[in-house]
Amino acid sequence: MRIRIVQKPPADDLDGIDLRHFQVGIEYELGSTLASVLLAEGWAAPVAIDAPTPPVPFGPDDPFTMPVLDRNQPPNLVKEQRPPFLDRDFARDIKWPRRRRKP
């Protein structure tokens, strides 16, 4: 349920839910229980269903992210086909000289 905060809640928390981060004039998408309480107390107003949604953080429409234009830059993001640890020798590959048995 989308709501817009119209008044700062006077309480810091409500049954263990922190209300301090809610700011006046900002839209929030909340669960129906918490949204109903905020609406009933007069601290929030419902947002129209057909109202445009704010951009989702880290989504494709986020105005604060820069899209990657060239997938080859930077080069450290290119996936290697063969990991470098497979190119080294293992202890099992070393041919150890056989010891002579003591008489």
Foldseek 3Di string as FASTA:
>chain_A
DKKAFQAQDPDQDDPPHGRVPHDHGDIDDDDPVVVVVCVVVVRIGHDDPPDDDDDDPPDPPDPPDDDDDDPCPPVVNDDDPDDPVVPDDDPVPDDDDDDDDDD
